[in-house]
Amino acid sequence: MLKQIHTDKAPQAIGPYSQAIVANGFVFCSGQVGVNPQTKTLADDVEKQTRQVMKNLQEVLKAAGVDFSYVVKTTIYLKNIADFPKVNTIYGEYFPEDKPARATVEVSSLPKGSFSKSPLVEIDAIAITSK
C-alpha cells in the first residue's frame, strides 16, 4: 500500500509527483530545491539554498512521521561540484550521529520551474519508518 505525503511547510510539487511516498516501511522523498515555501522564492547562493533544501526535507520527513535520524540514503545533485565543500558542511549539521549512505553528482542543470534562476543544489532522501 502506498501513502502520499503532503505538507504545506515544503514547496508543492510542480509536476506529476508527490513530495514523498511511504511504501513497505520506507519513505521516498522527492528531491528538494532551495525554495522557501512561504515566499515561493529561490535563495540567492548555494549555502542559503542548501539550508532551505534541508529545511524542506525536514518538513517532508516530519509529515511522514520521521526525522533525519531515520534517513538511510540521500543523493545530492550539484550544478557545480566546486560547491561540494560548502554543501557538505551544511548537510553534515543535519546528520551529527547516524550518517546515511550518499551519492553526490554534478549535473548540467536542475529544473527551475517558474524561477528566473536555476537551483544550484537538489537533495532527495530515503528513510525508514521505524528503527
N, C-alpha and C. Protein backbone atom coordinates (compact mmCIF):
# COMPACT_ATOMS: atom_id res chain seq x y z
N MET A 1 0.84 -1.18 0.00
CA MET A 1 0.00 0.00 0.00
C MET A 1 0.89 1.24 0.00
N LEU A 2 0.52 2.19 -0.83
CA LEU A 2 1.27 3.44 -0.94
C LEU A 2 0.52 4.56 -0.24
N LYS A 3 1.28 5.42 0.42
CA LYS A 3 0.67 6.57 1.08
C LYS A 3 1.40 7.82 0.61
N GLN A 4 0.67 8.76 0.03
CA GLN A 4 1.26 10.02 -0.38
C GLN A 4 1.45 10.92 0.84
N ILE A 5 2.57 11.62 0.85
CA ILE A 5 2.86 12.57 1.92
C ILE A 5 2.76 13.98 1.34
N HIS A 6 2.11 14.85 2.08
CA HIS A 6 1.95 16.23 1.66
C HIS A 6 2.05 17.15 2.87
N THR A 7 2.78 18.24 2.70
CA THR A 7 2.84 19.27 3.73
C THR A 7 2.91 20.63 3.05
N ASP A 8 2.24 21.60 3.64
CA ASP A 8 2.33 22.98 3.15
C ASP A 8 3.61 23.66 3.62
N LYS A 9 4.38 22.98 4.46
CA LYS A 9 5.60 23.56 5.00
C LYS A 9 6.83 23.29 4.13
N ALA A 10 6.59 22.70 2.97
CA ALA A 10 7.64 22.48 1.96
C ALA A 10 7.03 22.86 0.61
N PRO A 11 7.89 23.16 -0.37
CA PRO A 11 7.35 23.53 -1.68
C PRO A 11 6.43 22.46 -2.25
N GLN A 12 5.39 22.90 -2.90
CA GLN A 12 4.44 21.98 -3.51
C GLN A 12 5.03 21.36 -4.77
N ALA A 13 4.61 20.17 -5.08
CA ALA A 13 5.06 19.51 -6.30
C ALA A 13 4.59 20.35 -7.50
N ILE A 14 5.49 20.55 -8.45
CA ILE A 14 5.13 21.35 -9.62
C ILE A 14 4.96 20.47 -10.86
N GLY A 15 4.75 19.21 -10.63
CA GLY A 15 4.57 18.26 -11.72
C GLY A 15 3.84 17.04 -11.21
N PRO A 16 3.81 15.99 -12.00
CA PRO A 16 3.10 14.77 -11.60
C PRO A 16 3.93 13.88 -10.67
N TYR A 17 4.16 14.38 -9.46
CA TYR A 17 4.89 13.62 -8.45
C TYR A 17 4.43 14.05 -7.07
N SER A 18 4.82 13.31 -6.05
CA SER A 18 4.48 13.61 -4.66
C SER A 18 5.70 14.13 -3.93
N GLN A 19 5.48 14.88 -2.86
CA GLN A 19 6.60 15.31 -2.02
C GLN A 19 7.31 14.08 -1.46
N ALA A 20 6.54 13.07 -1.12
CA ALA A 20 7.11 11.80 -0.66
C ALA A 20 6.04 10.72 -0.78
N ILE A 21 6.50 9.49 -0.78
CA ILE A 21 5.63 8.32 -0.78
C ILE A 21 6.14 7.38 0.30
N VAL A 22 5.23 6.85 1.10
CA VAL A 22 5.57 5.81 2.07
C VAL A 22 5.15 4.48 1.46
N ALA A 23 6.08 3.53 1.43
CA ALA A 23 5.81 2.20 0.88
C ALA A 23 6.71 1.17 1.53
N ASN A 24 6.12 0.09 1.99
CA ASN A 24 6.88 -1.05 2.52
C ASN A 24 7.93 -0.68 3.55
N GLY A 25 7.59 0.21 4.47
CA GLY A 25 8.49 0.57 5.55
C GLY A 25 9.53 1.63 5.19
N PHE A 26 9.39 2.24 4.02
CA PHE A 26 10.32 3.28 3.59
C PHE A 26 9.57 4.56 3.25
N VAL A 27 10.27 5.68 3.40
CA VAL A 27 9.78 6.99 2.97
C VAL A 27 10.69 7.43 1.83
N PHE A 28 10.14 7.59 0.66
CA PHE A 28 10.89 8.03 -0.51
C PHE A 28 10.57 9.51 -0.74
N CYS A 29 11.51 10.38 -0.42
CA CYS A 29 11.32 11.83 -0.55
C CYS A 29 11.81 12.30 -1.91
N SER A 30 10.96 13.02 -2.60
CA SER A 30 11.37 13.63 -3.86
C SER A 30 12.46 14.67 -3.59
N GLY A 31 13.21 14.99 -4.62
CA GLY A 31 14.25 15.98 -4.48
C GLY A 31 13.69 17.34 -4.11
N GLN A 32 14.39 18.01 -3.22
CA GLN A 32 14.01 19.35 -2.80
C GLN A 32 15.06 20.33 -3.27
N VAL A 33 14.60 21.50 -3.69
CA VAL A 33 15.50 22.60 -4.05
C VAL A 33 15.30 23.71 -3.02
N GLY A 34 16.11 24.75 -3.12
CA GLY A 34 16.13 25.80 -2.10
C GLY A 34 15.04 26.84 -2.23
N VAL A 35 13.80 26.40 -2.38
CA VAL A 35 12.66 27.31 -2.49
C VAL A 35 12.00 27.46 -1.12
N ASN A 36 11.80 28.69 -0.72
CA ASN A 36 11.07 28.97 0.51
C ASN A 36 9.58 28.73 0.22
N PRO A 37 8.93 27.83 0.94
CA PRO A 37 7.52 27.51 0.64
C PRO A 37 6.54 28.66 0.92
N GLN A 38 6.91 29.59 1.80
CA GLN A 38 6.02 30.71 2.09
C GLN A 38 6.13 31.80 1.03
N THR A 39 7.36 32.16 0.67
CA THR A 39 7.55 33.25 -0.29
C THR A 39 7.62 32.75 -1.73
N LYS A 40 7.84 31.44 -1.89
CA LYS A 40 7.99 30.81 -3.21
C LYS A 40 9.15 31.40 -4.00
N THR A 41 10.19 31.80 -3.28
CA THR A 41 11.39 32.35 -3.91
C THR A 41 12.56 31.41 -3.68
N LEU A 42 13.50 31.47 -4.61
CA LEU A 42 14.70 30.65 -4.56
C LEU A 42 15.81 31.48 -3.92
N ALA A 43 16.48 30.91 -2.93
CA ALA A 43 17.58 31.61 -2.26
C ALA A 43 18.68 31.97 -3.26
N ASP A 44 19.50 32.95 -2.90
CA ASP A 44 20.48 33.51 -3.82
C ASP A 44 21.73 32.68 -4.04
N ASP A 45 22.28 32.08 -2.99
CA ASP A 45 23.56 31.37 -3.15
C ASP A 45 23.42 29.92 -2.70
N VAL A 46 24.46 29.15 -2.97
CA VAL A 46 24.40 27.71 -2.71
C VAL A 46 24.25 27.40 -1.22
N GLU A 47 24.84 28.21 -0.35
CA GLU A 47 24.71 27.96 1.08
C GLU A 47 23.28 28.19 1.56
N LYS A 48 22.68 29.30 1.16
CA LYS A 48 21.30 29.57 1.54
C LYS A 48 20.35 28.55 0.92
N GLN A 49 20.63 28.17 -0.32
CA GLN A 49 19.78 27.16 -0.96
C GLN A 49 19.89 25.83 -0.22
N THR A 50 21.10 25.45 0.18
CA THR A 50 21.28 24.18 0.88
C THR A 50 20.55 24.18 2.22
N ARG A 51 20.63 25.27 2.95
CA ARG A 51 19.90 25.36 4.23
C ARG A 51 18.40 25.22 3.99
N GLN A 52 17.89 25.86 2.94
CA GLN A 52 16.46 25.76 2.65
C GLN A 52 16.08 24.35 2.18
N VAL A 53 16.95 23.74 1.38
CA VAL A 53 16.72 22.35 0.96
C VAL A 53 16.56 21.45 2.18
N MET A 54 17.47 21.59 3.14
CA MET A 54 17.44 20.73 4.32
C MET A 54 16.20 21.01 5.17
N LYS A 55 15.79 22.27 5.28
CA LYS A 55 14.55 22.60 5.99
C LYS A 55 13.36 21.97 5.28
N ASN A 56 13.34 22.05 3.95
CA ASN A 56 12.24 21.46 3.19
C ASN A 56 12.18 19.95 3.39
N LEU A 57 13.33 19.29 3.29
CA LEU A 57 13.36 17.84 3.53
C LEU A 57 12.90 17.50 4.95
N GLN A 58 13.34 18.30 5.90
CA GLN A 58 12.95 18.08 7.30
C GLN A 58 11.42 18.12 7.46
N GLU A 59 10.78 19.05 6.79
CA GLU A 59 9.32 19.17 6.88
C GLU A 59 8.61 18.01 6.18
N VAL A 60 9.15 17.55 5.07
CA VAL A 60 8.55 16.40 4.39
C VAL A 60 8.71 15.15 5.25
N LEU A 61 9.89 14.96 5.81
CA LEU A 61 10.10 13.81 6.70
C LEU A 61 9.17 13.88 7.91
N LYS A 62 9.04 15.06 8.48
CA LYS A 62 8.15 15.26 9.64
C LYS A 62 6.71 14.89 9.28
N ALA A 63 6.27 15.29 8.10
CA ALA A 63 4.91 14.96 7.66
C ALA A 63 4.72 13.45 7.50
N ALA A 64 5.82 12.74 7.26
CA ALA A 64 5.78 11.28 7.15
C ALA A 64 5.96 10.61 8.51
N GLY A 65 6.18 11.40 9.57
CA GLY A 65 6.30 10.84 10.91
C GLY A 65 7.71 10.43 11.31
N VAL A 66 8.72 10.92 10.59
CA VAL A 66 10.11 10.58 10.90
C VAL A 66 10.96 11.86 10.91
N ASP A 67 12.25 11.70 11.15
CA ASP A 67 13.18 12.82 11.10
C ASP A 67 14.48 12.36 10.44
N PHE A 68 15.48 13.22 10.44
CA PHE A 68 16.73 12.88 9.76
C PHE A 68 17.41 11.64 10.32
N SER A 69 17.15 11.28 11.56
CA SER A 69 17.79 10.09 12.13
C SER A 69 17.27 8.79 11.49
N TYR A 70 16.19 8.86 10.73
CA TYR A 70 15.62 7.71 10.04
C TYR A 70 16.12 7.60 8.59
N VAL A 71 16.85 8.60 8.12
CA VAL A 71 17.30 8.63 6.73
C VAL A 71 18.42 7.62 6.53
N VAL A 72 18.28 6.80 5.48
CA VAL A 72 19.28 5.77 5.19
C VAL A 72 20.07 6.05 3.91
N LYS A 73 19.55 6.93 3.05
CA LYS A 73 20.22 7.21 1.77
C LYS A 73 19.80 8.58 1.26
N THR A 74 20.76 9.33 0.75
CA THR A 74 20.47 10.60 0.10
C THR A 74 21.24 10.68 -1.21
N THR A 75 20.78 11.54 -2.07
CA THR A 75 21.53 11.90 -3.28
C THR A 75 21.56 13.41 -3.36
N ILE A 76 22.75 13.95 -3.56
CA ILE A 76 22.93 15.39 -3.71
C ILE A 76 23.28 15.66 -5.17
N TYR A 77 22.53 16.58 -5.76
CA TYR A 77 22.76 16.99 -7.15
C TYR A 77 23.27 18.43 -7.11
N LEU A 78 24.47 18.65 -7.63
CA LEU A 78 25.08 19.98 -7.61
C LEU A 78 25.26 20.51 -9.04
N LYS A 79 24.90 21.75 -9.23
CA LYS A 79 25.14 22.40 -10.52
C LYS A 79 26.64 22.58 -10.74
N ASN A 80 27.39 22.79 -9.65
CA ASN A 80 28.83 22.99 -9.73
C ASN A 80 29.48 22.19 -8.59
N ILE A 81 30.25 21.17 -8.95
CA ILE A 81 30.87 20.30 -7.95
C ILE A 81 31.83 21.09 -7.05
N ALA A 82 32.28 22.25 -7.48
CA ALA A 82 33.15 23.08 -6.64
C ALA A 82 32.42 23.57 -5.39
N ASP A 83 31.08 23.52 -5.40
CA ASP A 83 30.29 23.90 -4.23
C ASP A 83 30.21 22.79 -3.18
N PHE A 84 30.77 21.63 -3.49
CA PHE A 84 30.65 20.48 -2.60
C PHE A 84 31.08 20.77 -1.16
N PRO A 85 32.23 21.41 -0.91
CA PRO A 85 32.63 21.65 0.50
C PRO A 85 31.59 22.46 1.28
N LYS A 86 31.03 23.49 0.67
CA LYS A 86 30.02 24.31 1.34
C LYS A 86 28.76 23.50 1.64
N VAL A 87 28.30 22.77 0.63
CA VAL A 87 27.09 21.96 0.79
C VAL A 87 27.32 20.86 1.82
N ASN A 88 28.46 20.21 1.76
CA ASN A 88 28.79 19.12 2.66
C ASN A 88 28.80 19.57 4.12
N THR A 89 29.32 20.76 4.38
CA THR A 89 29.36 21.28 5.75
C THR A 89 27.95 21.49 6.29
N ILE A 90 27.09 22.10 5.52
CA ILE A 90 25.71 22.36 5.96
C ILE A 90 24.95 21.05 6.09
N TYR A 91 25.08 20.17 5.11
CA TYR A 91 24.43 18.86 5.13
C TYR A 91 24.83 18.10 6.40
N GLY A 92 26.11 18.14 6.75
CA GLY A 92 26.61 17.42 7.92
C GLY A 92 26.00 17.88 9.23
N GLU A 93 25.53 19.13 9.31
CA GLU A 93 24.87 19.63 10.51
C GLU A 93 23.58 18.89 10.81
N TYR A 94 22.97 18.32 9.78
CA TYR A 94 21.69 17.63 9.94
C TYR A 94 21.87 16.14 10.24
N PHE A 95 23.10 15.65 10.13
CA PHE A 95 23.39 14.24 10.41
C PHE A 95 24.57 14.12 11.36
N PRO A 96 24.43 14.62 12.61
CA PRO A 96 25.57 14.61 13.53
C PRO A 96 25.95 13.21 14.00
N GLU A 97 25.02 12.27 13.99
CA GLU A 97 25.32 10.93 14.52
C GLU A 97 25.22 9.87 13.43
N ASP A 98 24.01 9.45 13.12
CA ASP A 98 23.81 8.40 12.12
C ASP A 98 23.86 9.02 10.73
N LYS A 99 24.94 8.75 10.02
CA LYS A 99 25.13 9.32 8.70
C LYS A 99 24.63 8.32 7.65
N PRO A 100 23.73 8.78 6.77
CA PRO A 100 23.19 7.87 5.76
C PRO A 100 24.20 7.61 4.64
N ALA A 101 23.93 6.59 3.86
CA ALA A 101 24.68 6.40 2.62
C ALA A 101 24.34 7.59 1.72
N ARG A 102 25.27 7.91 0.79
CA ARG A 102 25.03 9.11 -0.02
C ARG A 102 25.78 9.01 -1.33
N ALA A 103 25.17 9.61 -2.35
CA ALA A 103 25.85 9.85 -3.62
C ALA A 103 25.78 11.35 -3.87
N THR A 104 26.83 11.89 -4.47
CA THR A 104 26.86 13.30 -4.85
C THR A 104 27.31 13.37 -6.30
N VAL A 105 26.54 14.07 -7.11
CA VAL A 105 26.87 14.18 -8.52
C VAL A 105 26.72 15.62 -9.00
N GLU A 106 27.54 15.97 -9.98
CA GLU A 106 27.39 17.25 -10.65
C GLU A 106 26.47 17.04 -11.84
N VAL A 107 25.53 17.96 -12.01
CA VAL A 107 24.58 17.88 -13.12
C VAL A 107 24.67 19.17 -13.94
N SER A 108 24.31 19.08 -15.19
CA SER A 108 24.42 20.26 -16.05
C SER A 108 23.34 21.29 -15.75
N SER A 109 22.22 20.83 -15.22
CA SER A 109 21.12 21.75 -14.92
C SER A 109 20.17 21.08 -13.96
N LEU A 110 19.42 21.89 -13.23
CA LEU A 110 18.36 21.41 -12.35
C LEU A 110 17.08 22.11 -12.76
N PRO A 111 15.92 21.45 -12.59
CA PRO A 111 14.67 22.08 -13.00
C PRO A 111 14.46 23.41 -12.28
N LYS A 112 14.06 24.42 -13.02
CA LYS A 112 13.88 25.71 -12.39
C LYS A 112 12.43 26.12 -12.24
N GLY A 113 11.50 25.35 -12.78
CA GLY A 113 10.09 25.71 -12.62
C GLY A 113 9.84 27.11 -13.12
N SER A 114 9.22 27.94 -12.30
CA SER A 114 8.88 29.30 -12.71
C SER A 114 9.90 30.33 -12.21
N PHE A 115 11.06 29.88 -11.76
CA PHE A 115 12.05 30.81 -11.21
C PHE A 115 12.94 31.36 -12.31
N SER A 116 13.37 32.59 -12.14
CA SER A 116 14.22 33.23 -13.15
C SER A 116 15.63 32.65 -13.16
N LYS A 117 16.04 32.08 -12.05
CA LYS A 117 17.37 31.46 -11.98
C LYS A 117 17.22 29.98 -11.68
N SER A 118 18.25 29.24 -11.99
CA SER A 118 18.22 27.79 -11.78
C SER A 118 18.71 27.43 -10.38
N PRO A 119 18.12 26.42 -9.77
CA PRO A 119 18.65 25.96 -8.47
C PRO A 119 20.10 25.49 -8.62
N LEU A 120 20.84 25.61 -7.54
CA LEU A 120 22.24 25.21 -7.52
C LEU A 120 22.45 23.86 -6.85
N VAL A 121 21.45 23.41 -6.08
CA VAL A 121 21.54 22.14 -5.36
C VAL A 121 20.15 21.54 -5.22
N GLU A 122 20.10 20.23 -5.29
CA GLU A 122 18.86 19.48 -5.02
C GLU A 122 19.27 18.24 -4.24
N ILE A 123 18.46 17.87 -3.26
CA ILE A 123 18.75 16.68 -2.45
C ILE A 123 17.48 15.88 -2.30
N ASP A 124 17.58 14.56 -2.51
CA ASP A 124 16.47 13.66 -2.22
C ASP A 124 16.88 12.73 -1.09
N ALA A 125 15.93 12.00 -0.54
CA ALA A 125 16.23 11.14 0.61
C ALA A 125 15.33 9.92 0.64
N ILE A 126 15.86 8.86 1.22
CA ILE A 126 15.09 7.66 1.53
C ILE A 126 15.26 7.41 3.03
N ALA A 127 14.14 7.21 3.71
CA ALA A 127 14.17 6.97 5.16
C ALA A 127 13.40 5.69 5.46
N ILE A 128 13.65 5.15 6.64
CA ILE A 128 12.85 4.03 7.14
C ILE A 128 11.75 4.59 8.04
N THR A 129 10.67 3.83 8.20
CA THR A 129 9.56 4.33 9.01
C THR A 129 9.67 3.94 10.48
N SER A 130 10.55 2.99 10.78
CA SER A 130 10.76 2.63 12.19
C SER A 130 12.18 2.09 12.34
N LYS A 131 12.71 2.24 13.54
CA LYS A 131 14.08 1.79 13.81
C LYS A 131 14.06 0.43 14.48
